[in-house]
């Protein structure tokens, strides 16, 4: 048997061709400029609508960025080889953390438009909010946000820069360093991301609380992260990039992750609903009462059947996880459903009677996502698009599903 039988696979170039990169950059830049102009125009016309629309877009982007970091740390902790050829793209998504800190500024400025607990006179007349004032006050809100972004950006920068310096140095020690930092990182990210979802979304309805709200948000964010990662890889593949390095076997595994997270999200969503339904306490049922009023009931049904049932049935069969056409469809579907989910968490607090779509929802969404995409795309040129120096890289290329 020939010693180099696995070298007969055609080699990929681990750089994005300049023409492809420039074309992508121009498209993203155009979207970036148009959407920010539209969003700012919307803000000047109707800032009451701008802030909720912007919060939905921001939280959508934040969930994906945090999801990427959590997954990278899981991969380091488990010493996984299959995901190594995909990891640089994940790291480039994760490096959206510092950009997220900037994208948070409109929410920081819009605190009085978004959060009733930020008004001292409202709190003074509300015995329940008075009890929560030590946590829910503008100063603490800002300080916590700074801490979240500091933790997230530091960890993202460490993991990403070690991975990049390993490209040339092939230093095994960097692999161990990444493993060591990932253990406390997982813990810190879980705590901070849970608290962030309480701060930014749960406190929109400060009389309500749920102890698993943070995990619900993280499950959705990680689910959308896999959809974006798979979608990006399929787009690159269509342009002949990483077509040999990322095989059907890798897509199959990403399909499994999307399937698993569909089930996990549904499990958390059901747990939250069932406990609230069963206890039947007014301070808890208030959340679902609004979401079963008017046209919100329809959105709740879309989540049940679209977010869970349709995705579950589509990804259930082994063959569908190995079909690039199915994955092409389901990644877009998942991203749409995740947007509906975030919209369903935020918007009923501002439009209790029912769903009220607005063009600013789209403008803010494209503004936030194009800003993150620009950061992602820029970083693709500055290093190989796979971690070539990782000791498990070759093993990752040869990965086979059992």
Foldseek 3Di string as FASTA:
>chain_A
DDPPVVVVQDDFFLADPPVVLVVVLVVLVVLQVVLVVVLVVCCVVDVLVSQLLLLLLLLLLVLLLLLLLLVVLVCLQVVDQQCQQLNLLSLLSNLCLVVSLVSCVVCLVCVVSQFVLADPVSCVPDPVSVVVNVCPYSVNLVVLSVVLSVLSNVLSCLLNVLLQVLLPVLDQVSSVVSNVVSVVSNVVSLVSQLVVCCSSFVNSLVLEDDPCSSVLSNLLSNLLNLLVSLLVVLVCVVVVHCVQQCALQSLLVSLVVNLVSLVVSVVSVVVLVVVCVVVVDVSHCVLVVLCCAAASVVLVVCCVCQSHVVSNVQSVDSVSSSDSVSSNVVSVSSSVSSSSVSCSRRVCSPVSRHDDDDVSSVSSNSNSVSSSVSSSSVVSNVGRSGSNSHPSSVVNSVDHDD
